[in-house]
């Protein structure tokens, strides 16, 4: 006897019918008089459990939210103002690959490196501090497939400007051609602070997008997600960003810097945004708050942060 899953009574023209559903068959029994009919049910006609359908929908929405959050994070990183100046160029048939950082957080000197397998290339770097007329020249040295040099560590907030030149067969080529490079020095930030800040913001972004996708659900848990989103962005803007700034400004164990140097309005905007959205969601059943919060977060992330 197959295990019965569901049954219900269907009444038509004063005759009662009892339909009993099994895993692969339908059992049809007329209640009065009693008789029994066995009907095979094809697998492609098996009714899906509503709970399984809901779980599949939630899984799809979560995967969609993760994918969108990752794509947005990648797009933001490659279009950020701090994204390194990078590229590949050929000089007299020799391939040279470079990546120059626009921001430097380190305990040691700032290192400039270009990747090349050629032993014929040499070069130098001309650099100076911003708003300073004094220039210095540093020679590039061959080190394990790289041409590199070091610029002394500077105080937090100091910006340097520099040009990189390569020499080959009595010709000099600027890398990248005709471009003045710049790098701003900041204090060293521990990896634990940087990684926690990144994860916390990504979690807030992920939950924001997931809340927007609850528009497609009948019984969403958007309010619960909104609470955790608000917590994530509040922790990010009110605690982690100021702690990071303390390290960047070299103010740890020193007199605290000015308030405007510690807190940033673009970073705080996410917490304020989700405070408003959360209040709207708890006071209204309209899903427009869910969608508006997600869209506003994405726009703020791409154009304000």
Foldseek 3Di string as FASTA:
>chain_A
DADWDDWDWDDDPNWIWIWTDGQFWIWTFTVPPTDTDTGGHDPVPDDDDPVVVQVVVLVVLLVVLLVVLVVLVVVCQCPPPQFWDWDWDADPNWIKTATHTQEDADDWWAKGKIATPDPQKWWKKWKDWPPDPDIDIGTFDDDPRITMDTDGADAQFIKMKMWIWMDHPNDIATVPHPDIGMHGYFYHDDPVLVVLLVVLVSLLLSLLSSLLVCVPPDDDPNLVSLVSSLVSLCCNQVPSQLVRLCRRNVQVVHDDDDPPSRGDPLSNVLNVLSVVLSVVVVVDVDSVSSNVSNVVVSCSSRPPD
